[in-house]
Amino acid sequence: MASKAELSCVYAALILVDDDVAVTGEKISTILKAASVDVEPYWPGLFAKALEGVNVRELITNIGSGVGAAPAVGVAPAAAAAAPAAEAKEEKKKEEEPEESDDDMGFGLFD
């Protein structure tokens, strides 16, 4: 689970990205001070280094598209391939149920 310091730095970085301001350790620290959040001094710099050269806005908008720049269409064939397999499993379960009844073994409840 994320700590208070990590979450605070993430939110501060998201505020900077939303305002189209470069994410730096000093700016993250400024936002945290304005919000009266105390964190260890290394956290803002750590987050600024981690986000250096990363387009955070693109990461957020493409969160559901999968790995890399793959279009969402790539997910649909996989889901379509999984659907027949799930139906086959359901049919197999339906076929097995009558075979497992007690009447087949000669132990009927009301015999």
PDB file of N, CA and C in Angstrom:
ATOM      1  N   MET A   1       0.847  -1.168   0.000  1.00  0.00           N
ATOM      2  CA  MET A   1       0.000   0.000   0.000  1.00  0.00           C
ATOM      3  C   MET A   1       0.894   1.232   0.000  1.00  0.00           C
ATOM      4  N   ALA A   2       0.449   2.247  -0.691  1.00  0.00           N
ATOM      5  CA  ALA A   2       1.221   3.476  -0.809  1.00  0.00           C
ATOM      6  C   ALA A   2       1.171   4.261   0.503  1.00  0.00           C
ATOM      7  N   SER A   3       2.281   4.912   0.782  1.00  0.00           N
ATOM      8  CA  SER A   3       2.344   5.715   1.995  1.00  0.00           C
ATOM      9  C   SER A   3       1.773   7.109   1.739  1.00  0.00           C
ATOM     10  N   LYS A   4       1.602   7.838   2.804  1.00  0.00           N
ATOM     11  CA  LYS A   4       1.086   9.200   2.706  1.00  0.00           C
ATOM     12  C   LYS A   4       2.022  10.067   1.868  1.00  0.00           C
ATOM     13  N   ALA A   5       3.304   9.887   2.028  1.00  0.00           N
ATOM     14  CA  ALA A   5       4.280  10.687   1.285  1.00  0.00           C
ATOM     15  C   ALA A   5       4.212  10.389  -0.211  1.00  0.00           C
ATOM     16  N   GLU A   6       4.088   9.109  -0.555  1.00  0.00           N
ATOM     17  CA  GLU A   6       4.001   8.735  -1.965  1.00  0.00           C
ATOM     18  C   GLU A   6       2.747   9.308  -2.607  1.00  0.00           C
ATOM     19  N   LEU A   7       1.614   9.132  -1.951  1.00  0.00           N
ATOM     20  CA  LEU A   7       0.365   9.641  -2.499  1.00  0.00           C
ATOM     21  C   LEU A   7       0.385  11.163  -2.622  1.00  0.00           C
ATOM     22  N   SER A   8       0.955  11.829  -1.637  1.00  0.00           N
ATOM     23  CA  SER A   8       1.036  13.286  -1.686  1.00  0.00           C
ATOM     24  C   SER A   8       1.861  13.747  -2.873  1.00  0.00           C
ATOM     25  N   CYS A   9       2.968  13.085  -3.123  1.00  0.00           N
ATOM     26  CA  CYS A   9       3.823  13.450  -4.260  1.00  0.00           C
ATOM     27  C   CYS A   9       3.142  13.141  -5.591  1.00  0.00           C
ATOM     28  N   VAL A  10       2.417  12.053  -5.651  1.00  0.00           N
ATOM     29  CA  VAL A  10       1.690  11.711  -6.872  1.00  0.00           C
ATOM     30  C   VAL A  10       0.646  12.777  -7.166  1.00  0.00           C
ATOM     31  N   TYR A  11      -0.126  13.152  -6.153  1.00  0.00           N
ATOM     32  CA  TYR A  11      -1.158  14.170  -6.356  1.00  0.00           C
ATOM     33  C   TYR A  11      -0.542  15.513  -6.747  1.00  0.00           C
ATOM     34  N   ALA A  12       0.567  15.868  -6.118  1.00  0.00           N
ATOM     35  CA  ALA A  12       1.227  17.126  -6.461  1.00  0.00           C
ATOM     36  C   ALA A  12       1.720  17.087  -7.899  1.00  0.00           C
ATOM     37  N   ALA A  13       2.281  15.967  -8.326  1.00  0.00           N
ATOM     38  CA  ALA A  13       2.748  15.834  -9.713  1.00  0.00           C
ATOM     39  C   ALA A  13       1.576  15.918 -10.682  1.00  0.00           C
ATOM     40  N   LEU A  14       0.442  15.314 -10.333  1.00  0.00           N
ATOM     41  CA  LEU A  14      -0.739  15.388 -11.195  1.00  0.00           C
ATOM     42  C   LEU A  14      -1.271  16.814 -11.303  1.00  0.00           C
ATOM     43  N   ILE A  15      -1.191  17.566 -10.222  1.00  0.00           N
ATOM     44  CA  ILE A  15      -1.603  18.968 -10.266  1.00  0.00           C
ATOM     45  C   ILE A  15      -0.708  19.744 -11.226  1.00  0.00           C
ATOM     46  N   LEU A  16       0.594  19.510 -11.144  1.00  0.00           N
ATOM     47  CA  LEU A  16       1.527  20.201 -12.036  1.00  0.00           C
ATOM     48  C   LEU A  16       1.276  19.834 -13.493  1.00  0.00           C
ATOM     49  N   VAL A  17       1.051  18.562 -13.764  1.00  0.00           N
ATOM     50  CA  VAL A  17       0.793  18.117 -15.132  1.00  0.00           C
ATOM     51  C   VAL A  17      -0.503  18.724 -15.648  1.00  0.00           C
ATOM     52  N   ASP A  18      -1.523  18.773 -14.802  1.00  0.00           N
ATOM     53  CA  ASP A  18      -2.806  19.328 -15.209  1.00  0.00           C
ATOM     54  C   ASP A  18      -2.692  20.810 -15.556  1.00  0.00           C
ATOM     55  N   ASP A  19      -1.785  21.527 -14.891  1.00  0.00           N
ATOM     56  CA  ASP A  19      -1.585  22.947 -15.160  1.00  0.00           C
ATOM     57  C   ASP A  19      -0.527  23.189 -16.234  1.00  0.00           C
ATOM     58  N   ASP A  20      -0.057  22.139 -16.894  1.00  0.00           N
ATOM     59  CA  ASP A  20       0.987  22.223 -17.925  1.00  0.00           C
ATOM     60  C   ASP A  20       2.253  22.885 -17.406  1.00  0.00           C
ATOM     61  N   VAL A  21       2.644  22.533 -16.197  1.00  0.00           N
ATOM     62  CA  VAL A  21       3.857  23.028 -15.574  1.00  0.00           C
ATOM     63  C   VAL A  21       4.844  21.864 -15.478  1.00  0.00           C
ATOM     64  N   ALA A  22       6.107  22.141 -15.708  1.00  0.00           N
ATOM     65  CA  ALA A  22       7.128  21.104 -15.626  1.00  0.00           C
ATOM     66  C   ALA A  22       7.178  20.533 -14.206  1.00  0.00           C
ATOM     67  N   VAL A  23       7.311  19.221 -14.119  1.00  0.00           N
ATOM     68  CA  VAL A  23       7.349  18.549 -12.820  1.00  0.00           C
ATOM     69  C   VAL A  23       8.789  18.535 -12.324  1.00  0.00           C
ATOM     70  N   THR A  24       9.036  19.298 -11.276  1.00  0.00           N
ATOM     71  CA  THR A  24      10.359  19.329 -10.651  1.00  0.00           C
ATOM     72  C   THR A  24      10.197  19.077  -9.158  1.00  0.00           C
ATOM     73  N   GLY A  25      11.290  18.727  -8.525  1.00  0.00           N
ATOM     74  CA  GLY A  25      11.258  18.482  -7.088  1.00  0.00           C
ATOM     75  C   GLY A  25      10.866  19.711  -6.298  1.00  0.00           C
ATOM     76  N   GLU A  26      11.351  20.875  -6.742  1.00  0.00           N
ATOM     77  CA  GLU A  26      11.037  22.118  -6.039  1.00  0.00           C
ATOM     78  C   GLU A  26       9.545  22.451  -6.133  1.00  0.00           C
ATOM     79  N   LYS A  27       8.968  22.239  -7.298  1.00  0.00           N
ATOM     80  CA  LYS A  27       7.550  22.558  -7.484  1.00  0.00           C
ATOM     81  C   LYS A  27       6.658  21.588  -6.707  1.00  0.00           C
ATOM     82  N   ILE A  28       7.060  20.323  -6.669  1.00  0.00           N
ATOM     83  CA  ILE A  28       6.308  19.351  -5.857  1.00  0.00           C
ATOM     84  C   ILE A  28       6.381  19.753  -4.392  1.00  0.00           C
ATOM     85  N   SER A  29       7.573  20.160  -3.933  1.00  0.00           N
ATOM     86  CA  SER A  29       7.745  20.593  -2.544  1.00  0.00           C
ATOM     87  C   SER A  29       6.887  21.814  -2.232  1.00  0.00           C
ATOM     88  N   THR A  30       6.813  22.752  -3.182  1.00  0.00           N
ATOM     89  CA  THR A  30       6.010  23.954  -2.986  1.00  0.00           C
ATOM     90  C   THR A  30       4.533  23.608  -2.813  1.00  0.00           C
ATOM     91  N   ILE A  31       4.039  22.696  -3.645  1.00  0.00           N
ATOM     92  CA  ILE A  31       2.626  22.291  -3.530  1.00  0.00           C
ATOM     93  C   ILE A  31       2.388  21.580  -2.201  1.00  0.00           C
ATOM     94  N   LEU A  32       3.303  20.722  -1.812  1.00  0.00           N
ATOM     95  CA  LEU A  32       3.140  20.005  -0.544  1.00  0.00           C
ATOM     96  C   LEU A  32       3.168  20.955   0.648  1.00  0.00           C
ATOM     97  N   LYS A  33       4.041  21.974   0.600  1.00  0.00           N
ATOM     98  CA  LYS A  33       4.074  22.954   1.686  1.00  0.00           C
ATOM     99  C   LYS A  33       2.778  23.748   1.735  1.00  0.00           C
ATOM    100  N   ALA A  34       2.240  24.110   0.566  1.00  0.00           N
ATOM    101  CA  ALA A  34       0.984  24.857   0.532  1.00  0.00           C
ATOM    102  C   ALA A  34      -0.167  24.030   1.089  1.00  0.00           C
ATOM    103  N   ALA A  35      -0.088  22.715   0.935  1.00  0.00           N
ATOM    104  CA  ALA A  35      -1.131  21.823   1.442  1.00  0.00           C
ATOM    105  C   ALA A  35      -0.856  21.377   2.875  1.00  0.00           C
ATOM    106  N   SER A  36       0.220  21.885   3.472  1.00  0.00           N
ATOM    107  CA  SER A  36       0.625  21.536   4.847  1.00  0.00           C
ATOM    108  C   SER A  36       0.852  20.037   4.997  1.00  0.00           C
ATOM    109  N   VAL A  37       1.520  19.438   4.006  1.00  0.00           N
ATOM    110  CA  VAL A  37       1.848  18.019   4.042  1.00  0.00           C
ATOM    111  C   VAL A  37       3.345  17.882   4.274  1.00  0.00           C
ATOM    112  N   ASP A  38       3.721  17.188   5.339  1.00  0.00           N
ATOM    113  CA  ASP A  38       5.137  16.979   5.642  1.00  0.00           C
ATOM    114  C   ASP A  38       5.580  15.632   5.101  1.00  0.00           C
ATOM    115  N   VAL A  39       6.621  15.658   4.262  1.00  0.00           N
ATOM    116  CA  VAL A  39       7.208  14.430   3.723  1.00  0.00           C
ATOM    117  C   VAL A  39       8.719  14.519   3.876  1.00  0.00           C
ATOM    118  N   GLU A  40       9.366  13.400   3.790  1.00  0.00           N
ATOM    119  CA  GLU A  40      10.830  13.386   3.824  1.00  0.00           C
ATOM    120  C   GLU A  40      11.344  14.170   2.624  1.00  0.00           C
ATOM    121  N   PRO A  41      12.457  14.850   2.763  1.00  0.00           N
ATOM    122  CA  PRO A  41      12.933  15.720   1.688  1.00  0.00           C
ATOM    123  C   PRO A  41      13.302  15.004   0.387  1.00  0.00           C
ATOM    124  N   TYR A  42      13.523  13.709   0.425  1.00  0.00           N
ATOM    125  CA  TYR A  42      13.932  13.013  -0.793  1.00  0.00           C
ATOM    126  C   TYR A  42      12.754  12.655  -1.697  1.00  0.00           C
ATOM    127  N   TRP A  43      11.523  12.623  -1.172  1.00  0.00           N
ATOM    128  CA  TRP A  43      10.375  12.207  -1.976  1.00  0.00           C
ATOM    129  C   TRP A  43      10.112  13.083  -3.195  1.00  0.00           C
ATOM    130  N   PRO A  44      10.041  14.411  -3.062  1.00  0.00           N
ATOM    131  CA  PRO A  44       9.764  15.230  -4.248  1.00  0.00           C
ATOM    132  C   PRO A  44      10.799  15.050  -5.354  1.00  0.00           C
ATOM    133  N   GLY A  45      12.052  15.016  -4.997  1.00  0.00           N
ATOM    134  CA  GLY A  45      13.110  14.824  -5.993  1.00  0.00           C
ATOM    135  C   GLY A  45      13.033  13.447  -6.642  1.00  0.00           C
ATOM    136  N   LEU A  46      12.686  12.458  -5.858  1.00  0.00           N
ATOM    137  CA  LEU A  46      12.552  11.098  -6.368  1.00  0.00           C
ATOM    138  C   LEU A  46      11.437  11.014  -7.415  1.00  0.00           C
ATOM    139  N   PHE A  47      10.310  11.625  -7.111  1.00  0.00           N
ATOM    140  CA  PHE A  47       9.201  11.616  -8.064  1.00  0.00           C
ATOM    141  C   PHE A  47       9.523  12.441  -9.303  1.00  0.00           C
ATOM    142  N   ALA A  48      10.212  13.561  -9.119  1.00  0.00           N
ATOM    143  CA  ALA A  48      10.577  14.384 -10.272  1.00  0.00           C
ATOM    144  C   ALA A  48      11.510  13.610 -11.204  1.00  0.00           C
ATOM    145  N   LYS A  49      12.470  12.882 -10.634  1.00  0.00           N
ATOM    146  CA  LYS A  49      13.385  12.064 -11.454  1.00  0.00           C
ATOM    147  C   LYS A  49      12.639  10.930 -12.150  1.00  0.00           C
ATOM    148  N   ALA A  50      11.693  10.323 -11.461  1.00  0.00           N
ATOM    149  CA  ALA A  50      10.941   9.203 -12.037  1.00  0.00           C
ATOM    150  C   ALA A  50      10.078   9.666 -13.207  1.00  0.00           C
ATOM    151  N   LEU A  51       9.580  10.892 -13.146  1.00  0.00           N
ATOM    152  CA  LEU A  51       8.707  11.402 -14.202  1.00  0.00           C
ATOM    153  C   LEU A  51       9.457  12.182 -15.268  1.00  0.00           C
ATOM    154  N   GLU A  52      10.770  12.264 -15.127  1.00  0.00           N
ATOM    155  CA  GLU A  52      11.582  12.988 -16.103  1.00  0.00           C
ATOM    156  C   GLU A  52      11.509  12.302 -17.468  1.00  0.00           C
ATOM    157  N   GLY A  53      11.089  13.048 -18.478  1.00  0.00           N
ATOM    158  CA  GLY A  53      11.000  12.507 -19.826  1.00  0.00           C
ATOM    159  C   GLY A  53       9.765  11.651 -20.074  1.00  0.00           C
ATOM    160  N   VAL A  54       8.821  11.614 -19.123  1.00  0.00           N
ATOM    161  CA  VAL A  54       7.599  10.820 -19.264  1.00  0.00           C
ATOM    162  C   VAL A  54       6.435  11.764 -19.533  1.00  0.00           C
ATOM    163  N   ASN A  55       5.631  11.426 -20.516  1.00  0.00           N
ATOM    164  CA  ASN A  55       4.442  12.210 -20.808  1.00  0.00           C
ATOM    165  C   ASN A  55       3.304  11.662 -19.937  1.00  0.00           C
ATOM    166  N   VAL A  56       3.130  12.263 -18.777  1.00  0.00           N
ATOM    167  CA  VAL A  56       2.157  11.782 -17.797  1.00  0.00           C
ATOM    168  C   VAL A  56       0.735  11.884 -18.346  1.00  0.00           C
ATOM    169  N   ARG A  57       0.452  12.943 -19.066  1.00  0.00           N
ATOM    170  CA  ARG A  57      -0.900  13.128 -19.618  1.00  0.00           C
ATOM    171  C   ARG A  57      -1.234  11.972 -20.569  1.00  0.00           C
ATOM    172  N   GLU A  58      -0.269  11.550 -21.366  1.00  0.00           N
ATOM    173  CA  GLU A  58      -0.499  10.424 -22.285  1.00  0.00           C
ATOM    174  C   GLU A  58      -0.685   9.121 -21.513  1.00  0.00           C
ATOM    175  N   LEU A  59       0.063   8.938 -20.442  1.00  0.00           N
ATOM    176  CA  LEU A  59      -0.094   7.735 -19.620  1.00  0.00           C
ATOM    177  C   LEU A  59      -1.499   7.642 -19.044  1.00  0.00           C
ATOM    178  N   ILE A  60      -2.016   8.758 -18.596  1.00  0.00           N
ATOM    179  CA  ILE A  60      -3.334   8.763 -17.978  1.00  0.00           C
ATOM    180  C   ILE A  60      -4.421   8.501 -19.007  1.00  0.00           C
ATOM    181  N   THR A  61      -4.315   9.119 -20.179  1.00  0.00           N
ATOM    182  CA  THR A  61      -5.368   8.964 -21.181  1.00  0.00           C
ATOM    183  C   THR A  61      -5.332   7.604 -21.853  1.00  0.00           C
ATOM    184  N   ASN A  62      -4.216   6.921 -21.855  1.00  0.00           N
ATOM    185  CA  ASN A  62      -4.098   5.621 -22.515  1.00  0.00           C
ATOM    186  C   ASN A  62      -4.017   4.474 -21.529  1.00  0.00           C
ATOM    187  N   ILE A  63      -4.578   4.636 -20.366  1.00  0.00           N
ATOM    188  CA  ILE A  63      -4.437   3.626 -19.321  1.00  0.00           C
ATOM    189  C   ILE A  63      -5.119   2.313 -19.678  1.00  0.00           C
ATOM    190  N   GLY A  64      -6.195   2.339 -20.448  1.00  0.00           N
ATOM    191  CA  GLY A  64      -6.916   1.118 -20.764  1.00  0.00           C
ATOM    192  C   GLY A  64      -6.548   0.505 -22.093  1.00  0.00           C
ATOM    193  N   SER A  65      -5.599   1.086 -22.803  1.00  0.00           N
ATOM    194  CA  SER A  65      -5.313   0.587 -24.145  1.00  0.00           C
ATOM    195  C   SER A  65      -4.300  -0.548 -24.164  1.00  0.00           C
ATOM    196  N   GLY A  66      -3.746  -0.923 -23.062  1.00  0.00           N
ATOM    197  CA  GLY A  66      -2.812  -2.037 -23.041  1.00  0.00           C
ATOM    198  C   GLY A  66      -1.369  -1.578 -23.118  1.00  0.00           C
ATOM    199  N   VAL A  67      -0.486  -2.462 -23.532  1.00  0.00           N
ATOM    200  CA  VAL A  67       0.942  -2.191 -23.572  1.00  0.00           C
ATOM    201  C   VAL A  67       1.283  -1.366 -24.803  1.00  0.00           C
ATOM    202  N   GLY A  68       2.091  -0.348 -24.604  1.00  0.00           N
ATOM    203  CA  GLY A  68       2.566   0.445 -25.727  1.00  0.00           C
ATOM    204  C   GLY A  68       1.459   1.192 -26.431  1.00  0.00           C
ATOM    205  N   ALA A  69       1.613   1.315 -27.749  1.00  0.00           N
ATOM    206  CA  ALA A  69       0.654   2.070 -28.544  1.00  0.00           C
ATOM    207  C   ALA A  69      -0.348   1.151 -29.226  1.00  0.00           C
ATOM    208  N   ALA A  70      -0.578  -0.008 -28.690  1.00  0.00           N
ATOM    209  CA  ALA A  70      -1.513  -0.952 -29.298  1.00  0.00           C
ATOM    210  C   ALA A  70      -2.925  -0.398 -29.213  1.00  0.00           C
ATOM    211  N   PRO A  71      -3.673  -0.453 -30.295  1.00  0.00           N
ATOM    212  CA  PRO A  71      -5.045   0.046 -30.249  1.00  0.00           C
ATOM    213  C   PRO A  71      -5.946  -0.866 -29.426  1.00  0.00           C
ATOM    214  N   ALA A  72      -7.040  -0.331 -28.994  1.00  0.00           N
ATOM    215  CA  ALA A  72      -7.976  -1.104 -28.176  1.00  0.00           C
ATOM    216  C   ALA A  72      -8.610  -2.240 -28.973  1.00  0.00           C
ATOM    217  N   VAL A  73      -8.536  -2.167 -30.311  1.00  0.00           N
ATOM    218  CA  VAL A  73      -9.096  -3.227 -31.147  1.00  0.00           C
ATOM    219  C   VAL A  73      -8.368  -4.541 -30.896  1.00  0.00           C
ATOM    220  N   GLY A  74      -7.107  -4.477 -30.504  1.00  0.00           N
ATOM    221  CA  GLY A  74      -6.337  -5.687 -30.237  1.00  0.00           C
ATOM    222  C   GLY A  74      -6.901  -6.499 -29.093  1.00  0.00           C
ATOM    223  N   VAL A  75      -7.629  -5.870 -28.217  1.00  0.00           N
ATOM    224  CA  VAL A  75      -8.208  -6.569 -27.076  1.00  0.00           C
ATOM    225  C   VAL A  75      -9.453  -7.353 -27.490  1.00  0.00           C
ATOM    226  N   ALA A  76     -10.211  -6.836 -28.436  1.00  0.00           N
ATOM    227  CA  ALA A  76     -11.467  -7.468 -28.824  1.00  0.00           C
ATOM    228  C   ALA A  76     -11.299  -8.891 -29.365  1.00  0.00           C
ATOM    229  N   PRO A  77     -10.313  -9.171 -30.242  1.00  0.00           N
ATOM    230  CA  PRO A  77     -10.174 -10.557 -30.702  1.00  0.00           C
ATOM    231  C   PRO A  77      -9.845 -11.524 -29.568  1.00  0.00           C
ATOM    232  N   ALA A  78      -9.080 -11.069 -28.606  1.00  0.00           N
ATOM    233  CA  ALA A  78      -8.756 -11.949 -27.475  1.00  0.00           C
ATOM    234  C   ALA A  78     -10.016 -12.265 -26.671  1.00  0.00           C
ATOM    235  N   ALA A  79     -10.850 -11.259 -26.489  1.00  0.00           N
ATOM    236  CA  ALA A  79     -12.092 -11.489 -25.755  1.00  0.00           C
ATOM    237  C   ALA A  79     -13.031 -12.383 -26.557  1.00  0.00           C
ATOM    238  N   ALA A  80     -13.032 -12.206 -27.878  1.00  0.00           N
ATOM    239  CA  ALA A  80     -13.890 -13.034 -28.722  1.00  0.00           C
ATOM    240  C   ALA A  80     -13.422 -14.486 -28.711  1.00  0.00           C
ATOM    241  N   ALA A  81     -12.114 -14.682 -28.633  1.00  0.00           N
ATOM    242  CA  ALA A  81     -11.579 -16.043 -28.586  1.00  0.00           C
ATOM    243  C   ALA A  81     -11.893 -16.702 -27.246  1.00  0.00           C
ATOM    244  N   ALA A  82     -11.968 -15.919 -26.188  1.00  0.00           N
ATOM    245  CA  ALA A  82     -12.248 -16.474 -24.868  1.00  0.00           C
ATOM    246  C   ALA A  82     -13.726 -16.844 -24.710  1.00  0.00           C
ATOM    247  N   ALA A  83     -14.605 -16.162 -25.428  1.00  0.00           N
ATOM    248  CA  ALA A  83     -16.041 -16.419 -25.289  1.00  0.00           C
ATOM    249  C   ALA A  83     -16.433 -17.846 -25.686  1.00  0.00           C
ATOM    250  N   PRO A  84     -15.974 -18.394 -26.846  1.00  0.00           N
ATOM    251  CA  PRO A  84     -16.336 -19.765 -27.168  1.00  0.00           C
ATOM    252  C   PRO A  84     -15.786 -20.776 -26.159  1.00  0.00           C
ATOM    253  N   ALA A  85     -14.606 -20.488 -25.623  1.00  0.00           N
ATOM    254  CA  ALA A  85     -14.039 -21.395 -24.629  1.00  0.00           C
ATOM    255  C   ALA A  85     -14.912 -21.422 -23.381  1.00  0.00           C
ATOM    256  N   ALA A  86     -15.420 -20.259 -22.976  1.00  0.00           N
ATOM    257  CA  ALA A  86     -16.284 -20.202 -21.798  1.00  0.00           C
ATOM    258  C   ALA A  86     -17.592 -20.934 -22.061  1.00  0.00           C
ATOM    259  N   GLU A  87     -18.131 -20.792 -23.275  1.00  0.00           N
ATOM    260  CA  GLU A  87     -19.367 -21.488 -23.612  1.00  0.00           C
ATOM    261  C   GLU A  87     -19.155 -23.001 -23.629  1.00  0.00           C
ATOM    262  N   ALA A  88     -17.994 -23.424 -24.127  1.00  0.00           N
ATOM    263  CA  ALA A  88     -17.702 -24.852 -24.166  1.00  0.00           C
ATOM    264  C   ALA A  88     -17.609 -25.423 -22.752  1.00  0.00           C
ATOM    265  N   LYS A  89     -17.037 -24.661 -21.825  1.00  0.00           N
ATOM    266  CA  LYS A  89     -16.939 -25.118 -20.446  1.00  0.00           C
ATOM    267  C   LYS A  89     -18.321 -25.249 -19.820  1.00  0.00           C
ATOM    268  N   GLU A  90     -19.208 -24.281 -20.124  1.00  0.00           N
ATOM    269  CA  GLU A  90     -20.560 -24.342 -19.575  1.00  0.00           C
ATOM    270  C   GLU A  90     -21.313 -25.555 -20.115  1.00  0.00           C
ATOM    271  N   GLU A  91     -21.150 -25.843 -21.407  1.00  0.00           N
ATOM    272  CA  GLU A  91     -21.818 -26.998 -21.996  1.00  0.00           C
ATOM    273  C   GLU A  91     -21.295 -28.285 -21.384  1.00  0.00           C
ATOM    274  N   LYS A  92     -20.005 -28.339 -21.137  1.00  0.00           N
ATOM    275  CA  LYS A  92     -19.410 -29.533 -20.552  1.00  0.00           C
ATOM    276  C   LYS A  92     -19.950 -29.756 -19.138  1.00  0.00           C
ATOM    277  N   LYS A  93     -20.110 -28.669 -18.374  1.00  0.00           N
ATOM    278  CA  LYS A  93     -20.659 -28.792 -17.027  1.00  0.00           C
ATOM    279  C   LYS A  93     -22.093 -29.302 -17.071  1.00  0.00           C
ATOM    280  N   LYS A  94     -22.864 -28.808 -18.041  1.00  0.00           N
ATOM    281  CA  LYS A  94     -24.257 -29.241 -18.164  1.00  0.00           C
ATOM    282  C   LYS A  94     -24.334 -30.725 -18.501  1.00  0.00           C
ATOM    283  N   GLU A  95     -23.409 -31.205 -19.292  1.00  0.00           N
ATOM    284  CA  GLU A  95     -23.405 -32.619 -19.668  1.00  0.00           C
ATOM    285  C   GLU A  95     -23.015 -33.497 -18.491  1.00  0.00           C
ATOM    286  N   GLU A  96     -22.135 -33.019 -17.632  1.00  0.00           N
ATOM    287  CA  GLU A  96     -21.648 -33.827 -16.515  1.00  0.00           C
ATOM    288  C   GLU A  96     -22.676 -33.940 -15.392  1.00  0.00           C
ATOM    289  N   GLU A  97     -23.527 -32.978 -15.216  1.00  0.00           N
ATOM    290  CA  GLU A  97     -24.467 -32.985 -14.101  1.00  0.00           C
ATOM    291  C   GLU A  97     -25.359 -34.217 -14.063  1.00  0.00           C
ATOM    292  N   PRO A  98     -25.987 -34.653 -15.157  1.00  0.00           N
ATOM    293  CA  PRO A  98     -26.840 -35.844 -15.077  1.00  0.00           C
ATOM    294  C   PRO A  98     -26.055 -37.107 -14.740  1.00  0.00           C
ATOM    295  N   GLU A  99     -24.816 -37.181 -15.116  1.00  0.00           N
ATOM    296  CA  GLU A  99     -24.014 -38.372 -14.846  1.00  0.00           C
ATOM    297  C   GLU A  99     -23.708 -38.528 -13.369  1.00  0.00           C
ATOM    298  N   GLU A 100     -23.746 -37.448 -12.613  1.00  0.00           N
ATOM    299  CA  GLU A 100     -23.368 -37.493 -11.212  1.00  0.00           C
ATOM    300  C   GLU A 100     -24.566 -37.705 -10.282  1.00  0.00           C
ATOM    301  N   SER A 101     -25.743 -37.953 -10.802  1.00  0.00           N
ATOM    302  CA  SER A 101     -26.914 -38.101  -9.935  1.00  0.00           C
ATOM    303  C   SER A 101     -26.839 -39.406  -9.150  1.00  0.00           C
ATOM    304  N   ASP A 102     -27.536 -39.461  -8.030  1.00  0.00           N
ATOM    305  CA  ASP A 102     -27.543 -40.639  -7.175  1.00  0.00           C
ATOM    306  C   ASP A 102     -28.316 -41.799  -7.803  1.00  0.00           C
ATOM    307  N   ASP A 103     -29.277 -41.525  -8.680  1.00  0.00           N
ATOM    308  CA  ASP A 103     -30.060 -42.579  -9.310  1.00  0.00           C
ATOM    309  C   ASP A 103     -29.188 -43.492 -10.157  1.00  0.00           C
ATOM    310  N   ASP A 104     -28.137 -42.972 -10.751  1.00  0.00           N
ATOM    311  CA  ASP A 104     -27.265 -43.793 -11.587  1.00  0.00           C
ATOM    312  C   ASP A 104     -26.502 -44.804 -10.744  1.00  0.00           C
ATOM    313  N   MET A 105     -26.316 -44.545  -9.473  1.00  0.00           N
ATOM    314  CA  MET A 105     -25.552 -45.439  -8.631  1.00  0.00           C
ATOM    315  C   MET A 105     -26.454 -46.419  -7.884  1.00  0.00           C
ATOM    316  N   GLY A 106     -27.745 -46.268  -8.023  1.00  0.00           N
ATOM    317  CA  GLY A 106     -28.651 -47.178  -7.345  1.00  0.00           C
ATOM    318  C   GLY A 106     -28.982 -46.750  -5.929  1.00  0.00           C
ATOM    319  N   PHE A 107     -28.674 -45.534  -5.568  1.00  0.00           N
ATOM    320  CA  PHE A 107     -28.941 -45.049  -4.219  1.00  0.00           C
ATOM    321  C   PHE A 107     -29.997 -43.942  -4.257  1.00  0.00           C
ATOM    322  N   GLY A 108     -31.117 -44.203  -4.851  1.00  0.00           N
ATOM    323  CA  GLY A 108     -32.182 -43.209  -4.913  1.00  0.00           C
ATOM    324  C   GLY A 108     -32.713 -42.905  -3.534  1.00  0.00           C
ATOM    325  N   LEU A 109     -33.126 -41.707  -3.284  1.00  0.00           N
ATOM    326  CA  LEU A 109     -33.595 -41.278  -1.973  1.00  0.00           C
ATOM    327  C   LEU A 109     -34.927 -41.928  -1.611  1.00  0.00           C
ATOM    328  N   PHE A 110     -35.858 -42.103  -2.585  1.00  0.00           N
ATOM    329  CA  PHE A 110     -37.170 -42.631  -2.286  1.00  0.00           C
ATOM    330  C   PHE A 110     -37.384 -44.023  -2.883  1.00  0.00           C
ATOM    331  N   ASP A 111     -36.369 -44.801  -3.081  1.00  0.00           N
ATOM    332  CA  ASP A 111     -36.530 -46.154  -3.651  1.00  0.00           C
ATOM    333  C   ASP A 111     -36.920 -47.153  -2.609  1.00  0.00           C
TER     334      ASP A 111
END
